[in-house]
PDB file of all heavy atoms in Angstrom:
ATOM      1  N   GLY A   1      15.645  -6.881  -4.311  1.00  0.00           N
ATOM      2  CA  GLY A   1      14.228  -7.122  -4.047  1.00  0.00           C
ATOM      3  C   GLY A   1      13.396  -5.849  -4.158  1.00  0.00           C
ATOM      4  O   GLY A   1      13.898  -4.792  -4.572  1.00  0.00           O
ATOM      5  N   PRO A   2      12.230  -5.905  -3.563  1.00  0.00           N
ATOM      6  CA  PRO A   2      11.317  -4.750  -3.663  1.00  0.00           C
ATOM      7  C   PRO A   2      11.737  -3.643  -2.669  1.00  0.00           C
ATOM      8  O   PRO A   2      12.411  -3.773  -1.710  1.00  0.00           O
ATOM      9  CB  PRO A   2       9.993  -5.300  -3.268  1.00  0.00           C
ATOM     10  CG  PRO A   2      10.110  -6.575  -2.620  1.00  0.00           C
ATOM     11  CD  PRO A   2      11.583  -6.980  -2.960  1.00  0.00           C
ATOM     12  N   ILE A   3      11.241  -2.389  -3.041  1.00  0.00           N
ATOM     13  CA  ILE A   3      11.510  -1.178  -2.252  1.00  0.00           C
ATOM     14  C   ILE A   3      10.153  -0.364  -2.099  1.00  0.00           C
ATOM     15  O   ILE A   3       9.527  -0.321  -3.122  1.00  0.00           O
ATOM     16  CB  ILE A   3      12.616  -0.281  -2.861  1.00  0.00           C
ATOM     17  CG1 ILE A   3      13.924  -0.986  -3.112  1.00  0.00           C
ATOM     18  CG2 ILE A   3      12.767   1.011  -2.090  1.00  0.00           C
ATOM     19  CD1 ILE A   3      14.827  -0.228  -4.080  1.00  0.00           C
ATOM     20  N   ILE A   4       9.858   0.095  -0.963  1.00  0.00           N
ATOM     21  CA  ILE A   4       8.696   0.951  -0.803  1.00  0.00           C
ATOM     22  C   ILE A   4       9.162   2.294  -0.202  1.00  0.00           C
ATOM     23  O   ILE A   4      10.163   2.363   0.502  1.00  0.00           O
ATOM     24  CB  ILE A   4       7.565   0.319   0.027  1.00  0.00           C
ATOM     25  CG1 ILE A   4       7.970   0.040   1.468  1.00  0.00           C
ATOM     26  CG2 ILE A   4       6.984  -0.928  -0.595  1.00  0.00           C
ATOM     27  CD1 ILE A   4       6.894  -0.518   2.392  1.00  0.00           C
ATOM     28  N   PHE A   5       8.486   3.415  -0.680  1.00  0.00           N
ATOM     29  CA  PHE A   5       8.947   4.710  -0.205  1.00  0.00           C
ATOM     30  C   PHE A   5       7.778   5.608  -0.100  1.00  0.00           C
ATOM     31  O   PHE A   5       6.606   5.214  -0.394  1.00  0.00           O
ATOM     32  CB  PHE A   5      10.019   5.254  -1.070  1.00  0.00           C
ATOM     33  CG  PHE A   5       9.706   5.111  -2.593  1.00  0.00           C
ATOM     34  CD1 PHE A   5       9.126   6.266  -3.257  1.00  0.00           C
ATOM     35  CD2 PHE A   5       9.961   4.034  -3.287  1.00  0.00           C
ATOM     36  CE1 PHE A   5       8.823   6.210  -4.582  1.00  0.00           C
ATOM     37  CE2 PHE A   5       9.656   3.928  -4.662  1.00  0.00           C
ATOM     38  CZ  PHE A   5       9.115   5.021  -5.286  1.00  0.00           C
ATOM     39  N   ASP A   6       7.972   6.902   0.290  1.00  0.00           N
ATOM     40  CA  ASP A   6       6.981   7.947   0.469  1.00  0.00           C
ATOM     41  C   ASP A   6       5.834   7.518   1.362  1.00  0.00           C
ATOM     42  O   ASP A   6       4.646   7.514   0.989  1.00  0.00           O
ATOM     43  CB  ASP A   6       6.362   8.363  -0.934  1.00  0.00           C
ATOM     44  CG  ASP A   6       7.239   9.284  -1.701  1.00  0.00           C
ATOM     45  OD1 ASP A   6       8.357   9.583  -1.201  1.00  0.00           O
ATOM     46  OD2 ASP A   6       6.884   9.652  -2.834  1.00  0.00           O
ATOM     47  N   PRO A   7       6.137   6.934   2.470  1.00  0.00           N
ATOM     48  CA  PRO A   7       5.068   6.370   3.402  1.00  0.00           C
ATOM     49  C   PRO A   7       4.328   7.425   4.176  1.00  0.00           C
ATOM     50  O   PRO A   7       4.802   8.595   4.308  1.00  0.00           O
ATOM     51  CB  PRO A   7       5.881   5.447   4.331  1.00  0.00           C
ATOM     52  CG  PRO A   7       7.176   6.127   4.470  1.00  0.00           C
ATOM     53  CD  PRO A   7       7.468   6.762   3.146  1.00  0.00           C
ATOM     54  N   ALA A   8       3.162   7.104   4.670  1.00  0.00           N
ATOM     55  CA  ALA A   8       2.339   7.879   5.563  1.00  0.00           C
ATOM     56  C   ALA A   8       1.862   6.937   6.664  1.00  0.00           C
ATOM     57  O   ALA A   8       0.667   6.605   6.749  1.00  0.00           O
ATOM     58  CB  ALA A   8       1.114   8.506   4.772  1.00  0.00           C
ATOM     59  N   SER A   9       2.801   6.403   7.357  1.00  0.00           N
ATOM     60  CA  SER A   9       2.517   5.267   8.265  1.00  0.00           C
ATOM     61  C   SER A   9       1.590   5.513   9.460  1.00  0.00           C
ATOM     62  O   SER A   9       1.530   6.609   9.874  1.00  0.00           O
ATOM     63  CB  SER A   9       3.896   4.654   8.822  1.00  0.00           C
ATOM     64  OG  SER A   9       4.602   4.113   7.724  1.00  0.00           O
ATOM     65  N   PHE A  10       1.093   4.472   9.905  1.00  0.00           N
ATOM     66  CA  PHE A  10       0.391   4.418  11.243  1.00  0.00           C
ATOM     67  C   PHE A  10       0.048   2.984  11.547  1.00  0.00           C
ATOM     68  O   PHE A  10       0.174   2.081  10.635  1.00  0.00           O
ATOM     69  CB  PHE A  10      -0.947   5.322  11.250  1.00  0.00           C
ATOM     70  CG  PHE A  10      -2.043   4.870  10.262  1.00  0.00           C
ATOM     71  CD1 PHE A  10      -3.079   4.099  10.700  1.00  0.00           C
ATOM     72  CD2 PHE A  10      -1.991   5.206   8.967  1.00  0.00           C
ATOM     73  CE1 PHE A  10      -4.125   3.715   9.823  1.00  0.00           C
ATOM     74  CE2 PHE A  10      -2.990   4.802   8.046  1.00  0.00           C
ATOM     75  CZ  PHE A  10      -4.044   4.115   8.481  1.00  0.00           C
ATOM     76  N   TYR A  11      -0.410   2.678  12.686  1.00  0.00           N
ATOM     77  CA  TYR A  11      -0.845   1.314  13.069  1.00  0.00           C
ATOM     78  C   TYR A  11      -2.348   1.189  12.807  1.00  0.00           C
ATOM     79  O   TYR A  11      -3.058   1.999  13.324  1.00  0.00           O
ATOM     80  CB  TYR A  11      -0.557   0.947  14.550  1.00  0.00           C
ATOM     81  CG  TYR A  11       0.881   0.634  14.747  1.00  0.00           C
ATOM     82  CD1 TYR A  11       1.829   1.666  14.954  1.00  0.00           C
ATOM     83  CD2 TYR A  11       1.381  -0.605  14.711  1.00  0.00           C
ATOM     84  CE1 TYR A  11       3.120   1.360  15.170  1.00  0.00           C
ATOM     85  CE2 TYR A  11       2.719  -0.982  14.920  1.00  0.00           C
ATOM     86  CZ  TYR A  11       3.571   0.013  15.212  1.00  0.00           C
ATOM     87  OH  TYR A  11       4.934  -0.307  15.323  1.00  0.00           O
ATOM     88  N   GLY A  12      -2.771   0.351  11.864  1.00  0.00           N
ATOM     89  CA  GLY A  12      -4.120   0.204  11.523  1.00  0.00           C
ATOM     90  C   GLY A  12      -4.530  -1.174  11.010  1.00  0.00           C
ATOM     91  O   GLY A  12      -3.702  -2.145  11.343  1.00  0.00           O
ATOM     92  N   HIS A  13      -5.601  -1.352  10.347  1.00  0.00           N
ATOM     93  CA  HIS A  13      -6.087  -2.667   9.842  1.00  0.00           C
ATOM     94  C   HIS A  13      -5.270  -2.953   8.600  1.00  0.00           C
ATOM     95  O   HIS A  13      -5.243  -2.147   7.675  1.00  0.00           O
ATOM     96  CB  HIS A  13      -7.582  -2.605   9.536  1.00  0.00           C
ATOM     97  CG  HIS A  13      -8.184  -3.846   9.171  1.00  0.00           C
ATOM     98  ND1 HIS A  13      -9.437  -3.947   8.652  1.00  0.00           N
ATOM     99  CD2 HIS A  13      -7.718  -5.098   9.288  1.00  0.00           C
ATOM    100  CE1 HIS A  13      -9.759  -5.267   8.411  1.00  0.00           C
ATOM    101  NE2 HIS A  13      -8.686  -5.979   8.878  1.00  0.00           N
ATOM    102  N   SER A  14      -4.686  -4.141   8.556  1.00  0.00           N
ATOM    103  CA  SER A  14      -3.856  -4.532   7.369  1.00  0.00           C
ATOM    104  C   SER A  14      -4.583  -4.366   6.016  1.00  0.00           C
ATOM    105  O   SER A  14      -3.986  -3.987   4.991  1.00  0.00           O
ATOM    106  CB  SER A  14      -3.292  -5.940   7.549  1.00  0.00           C
ATOM    107  OG  SER A  14      -4.383  -6.891   7.826  1.00  0.00           O
ATOM    108  N   GLU A  15      -5.917  -4.607   6.002  1.00  0.00           N
ATOM    109  CA  GLU A  15      -6.677  -4.521   4.812  1.00  0.00           C
ATOM    110  C   GLU A  15      -6.640  -3.116   4.196  1.00  0.00           C
ATOM    111  O   GLU A  15      -6.780  -2.905   2.991  1.00  0.00           O
ATOM    112  CB  GLU A  15      -8.144  -4.960   5.008  1.00  0.00           C
ATOM    113  CG  GLU A  15      -8.322  -6.437   5.348  1.00  0.00           C
ATOM    114  CD  GLU A  15      -9.740  -6.758   5.605  1.00  0.00           C
ATOM    115  OE1 GLU A  15     -10.618  -5.930   5.604  1.00  0.00           O
ATOM    116  OE2 GLU A  15     -10.076  -7.988   5.864  1.00  0.00           O
ATOM    117  N   TYR A  16      -6.503  -2.134   5.107  1.00  0.00           N
ATOM    118  CA  TYR A  16      -6.514  -0.773   4.610  1.00  0.00           C
ATOM    119  C   TYR A  16      -5.422  -0.476   3.535  1.00  0.00           C
ATOM    120  O   TYR A  16      -5.570   0.254   2.633  1.00  0.00           O
ATOM    121  CB  TYR A  16      -6.344   0.119   5.855  1.00  0.00           C
ATOM    122  CG  TYR A  16      -6.118   1.567   5.611  1.00  0.00           C
ATOM    123  CD1 TYR A  16      -7.184   2.483   5.635  1.00  0.00           C
ATOM    124  CD2 TYR A  16      -4.830   2.170   5.240  1.00  0.00           C
ATOM    125  CE1 TYR A  16      -7.038   3.842   5.490  1.00  0.00           C
ATOM    126  CE2 TYR A  16      -4.741   3.542   4.953  1.00  0.00           C
ATOM    127  CZ  TYR A  16      -5.847   4.372   5.109  1.00  0.00           C
ATOM    128  OH  TYR A  16      -5.693   5.759   4.865  1.00  0.00           O
ATOM    129  N   GLU A  17      -4.276  -1.184   3.750  1.00  0.00           N
ATOM    130  CA  GLU A  17      -3.091  -1.066   2.788  1.00  0.00           C
ATOM    131  C   GLU A  17      -3.491  -1.374   1.433  1.00  0.00           C
ATOM    132  O   GLU A  17      -2.894  -0.784   0.457  1.00  0.00           O
ATOM    133  CB  GLU A  17      -2.063  -1.893   3.296  1.00  0.00           C
ATOM    134  CG  GLU A  17      -0.661  -1.611   2.704  1.00  0.00           C
ATOM    135  CD  GLU A  17       0.082  -0.569   3.523  1.00  0.00           C
ATOM    136  OE1 GLU A  17      -0.164   0.520   3.440  1.00  0.00           O
ATOM    137  OE2 GLU A  17       0.993  -1.009   4.321  1.00  0.00           O
ATOM    138  N   LEU A  18      -4.342  -2.324   1.199  1.00  0.00           N
ATOM    139  CA  LEU A  18      -4.670  -2.813  -0.152  1.00  0.00           C
ATOM    140  C   LEU A  18      -5.612  -2.000  -0.905  1.00  0.00           C
ATOM    141  O   LEU A  18      -5.870  -2.153  -2.149  1.00  0.00           O
ATOM    142  CB  LEU A  18      -5.204  -4.261  -0.115  1.00  0.00           C
ATOM    143  CG  LEU A  18      -4.237  -5.287   0.583  1.00  0.00           C
ATOM    144  CD1 LEU A  18      -4.825  -6.678   0.660  1.00  0.00           C
ATOM    145  CD2 LEU A  18      -2.863  -5.283  -0.157  1.00  0.00           C
ATOM    146  N   ALA A  19      -6.241  -0.982  -0.183  1.00  0.00           N
ATOM    147  CA  ALA A  19      -7.234  -0.124  -0.855  1.00  0.00           C
ATOM    148  C   ALA A  19      -6.694   0.680  -2.056  1.00  0.00           C
ATOM    149  O   ALA A  19      -7.188   0.566  -3.166  1.00  0.00           O
ATOM    150  CB  ALA A  19      -7.884   0.739   0.206  1.00  0.00           C
ATOM    151  N   ILE A  20      -5.692   1.488  -1.719  1.00  0.00           N
ATOM    152  CA  ILE A  20      -5.186   2.364  -2.773  1.00  0.00           C
ATOM    153  C   ILE A  20      -4.309   1.536  -3.799  1.00  0.00           C
ATOM    154  O   ILE A  20      -4.368   1.915  -5.019  1.00  0.00           O
ATOM    155  CB  ILE A  20      -4.324   3.553  -2.225  1.00  0.00           C
ATOM    156  CG1 ILE A  20      -4.110   4.663  -3.329  1.00  0.00           C
ATOM    157  CG2 ILE A  20      -2.990   3.098  -1.539  1.00  0.00           C
ATOM    158  CD1 ILE A  20      -3.651   6.017  -2.816  1.00  0.00           C
ATOM    159  N   ALA A  21      -3.771   0.445  -3.380  1.00  0.00           N
ATOM    160  CA  ALA A  21      -3.138  -0.389  -4.288  1.00  0.00           C
ATOM    161  C   ALA A  21      -4.052  -0.962  -5.445  1.00  0.00           C
ATOM    162  O   ALA A  21      -3.643  -1.003  -6.538  1.00  0.00           O
ATOM    163  CB  ALA A  21      -2.572  -1.674  -3.568  1.00  0.00           C
ATOM    164  N   GLY A  22      -5.360  -1.118  -5.049  1.00  0.00           N
ATOM    165  CA  GLY A  22      -6.238  -1.620  -6.088  1.00  0.00           C
ATOM    166  C   GLY A  22      -6.870  -0.502  -6.888  1.00  0.00           C
ATOM    167  O   GLY A  22      -7.598  -0.819  -7.899  1.00  0.00           O
ATOM    168  N   MET A  23      -6.652   0.720  -6.542  1.00  0.00           N
ATOM    169  CA  MET A  23      -7.333   1.831  -7.262  1.00  0.00           C
ATOM    170  C   MET A  23      -6.657   2.217  -8.454  1.00  0.00           C
ATOM    171  O   MET A  23      -7.340   2.560  -9.514  1.00  0.00           O
ATOM    172  CB  MET A  23      -7.438   3.089  -6.260  1.00  0.00           C
ATOM    173  CG  MET A  23      -8.606   2.970  -5.279  1.00  0.00           C
ATOM    174  SD  MET A  23      -8.382   4.124  -3.922  1.00  0.00           S
ATOM    175  CE  MET A  23      -8.436   5.744  -4.790  1.00  0.00           C
ATOM    176  N   PHE A  24      -5.388   2.240  -8.544  1.00  0.00           N
ATOM    177  CA  PHE A  24      -4.712   2.796  -9.703  1.00  0.00           C
ATOM    178  C   PHE A  24      -3.752   1.777 -10.383  1.00  0.00           C
ATOM    179  O   PHE A  24      -2.973   2.030 -11.322  1.00  0.00           O
ATOM    180  CB  PHE A  24      -3.776   3.950  -9.242  1.00  0.00           C
ATOM    181  CG  PHE A  24      -4.631   5.078  -8.566  1.00  0.00           C
ATOM    182  CD1 PHE A  24      -4.401   5.436  -7.311  1.00  0.00           C
ATOM    183  CD2 PHE A  24      -5.583   5.810  -9.331  1.00  0.00           C
ATOM    184  CE1 PHE A  24      -5.161   6.425  -6.642  1.00  0.00           C
ATOM    185  CE2 PHE A  24      -6.239   6.787  -8.774  1.00  0.00           C
ATOM    186  CZ  PHE A  24      -6.097   7.139  -7.396  1.00  0.00           C
ATOM    187  N   GLY A  25      -3.966   0.541 -10.093  1.00  0.00           N
ATOM    188  CA  GLY A  25      -3.187  -0.557 -10.748  1.00  0.00           C
ATOM    189  C   GLY A  25      -1.834  -0.598 -10.385  1.00  0.00           C
ATOM    190  O   GLY A  25      -1.302   0.074  -9.409  1.00  0.00           O
ATOM    191  N   GLY A  26      -0.944  -1.387 -11.161  1.00  0.00           N
ATOM    192  CA  GLY A  26       0.474  -1.375 -10.884  1.00  0.00           C
ATOM    193  C   GLY A  26       0.908  -2.643 -10.030  1.00  0.00           C
ATOM    194  O   GLY A  26       2.047  -2.803  -9.799  1.00  0.00           O
ATOM    195  N   PHE A  27      -0.076  -3.468  -9.517  1.00  0.00           N
ATOM    196  CA  PHE A  27       0.253  -4.592  -8.775  1.00  0.00           C
ATOM    197  C   PHE A  27      -0.317  -5.861  -9.504  1.00  0.00           C
ATOM    198  O   PHE A  27      -1.497  -5.931  -9.744  1.00  0.00           O
ATOM    199  CB  PHE A  27      -0.393  -4.504  -7.384  1.00  0.00           C
ATOM    200  CG  PHE A  27       0.185  -3.305  -6.579  1.00  0.00           C
ATOM    201  CD1 PHE A  27      -0.283  -2.040  -6.749  1.00  0.00           C
ATOM    202  CD2 PHE A  27       1.310  -3.433  -5.741  1.00  0.00           C
ATOM    203  CE1 PHE A  27       0.202  -0.994  -5.929  1.00  0.00           C
ATOM    204  CE2 PHE A  27       1.803  -2.506  -5.049  1.00  0.00           C
ATOM    205  CZ  PHE A  27       1.282  -1.193  -5.141  1.00  0.00           C
ATOM    206  N   SER A  28       0.574  -6.830  -9.633  1.00  0.00           N
ATOM    207  CA  SER A  28       0.166  -7.970 -10.458  1.00  0.00           C
ATOM    208  C   SER A  28      -0.562  -9.014  -9.571  1.00  0.00           C
ATOM    209  O   SER A  28      -0.528  -8.953  -8.286  1.00  0.00           O
ATOM    210  CB  SER A  28       1.491  -8.691 -11.008  1.00  0.00           C
ATOM    211  OG  SER A  28       2.197  -9.176  -9.864  1.00  0.00           O
TER     212      SER A  28
END
């Protein structure tokens, strides 16, 4: 399955996660 790495974690608003995902592509 999927793997995620190089995190910079904190507790925040879930929507925040999708911001950089949408900036540089790579997500279908």
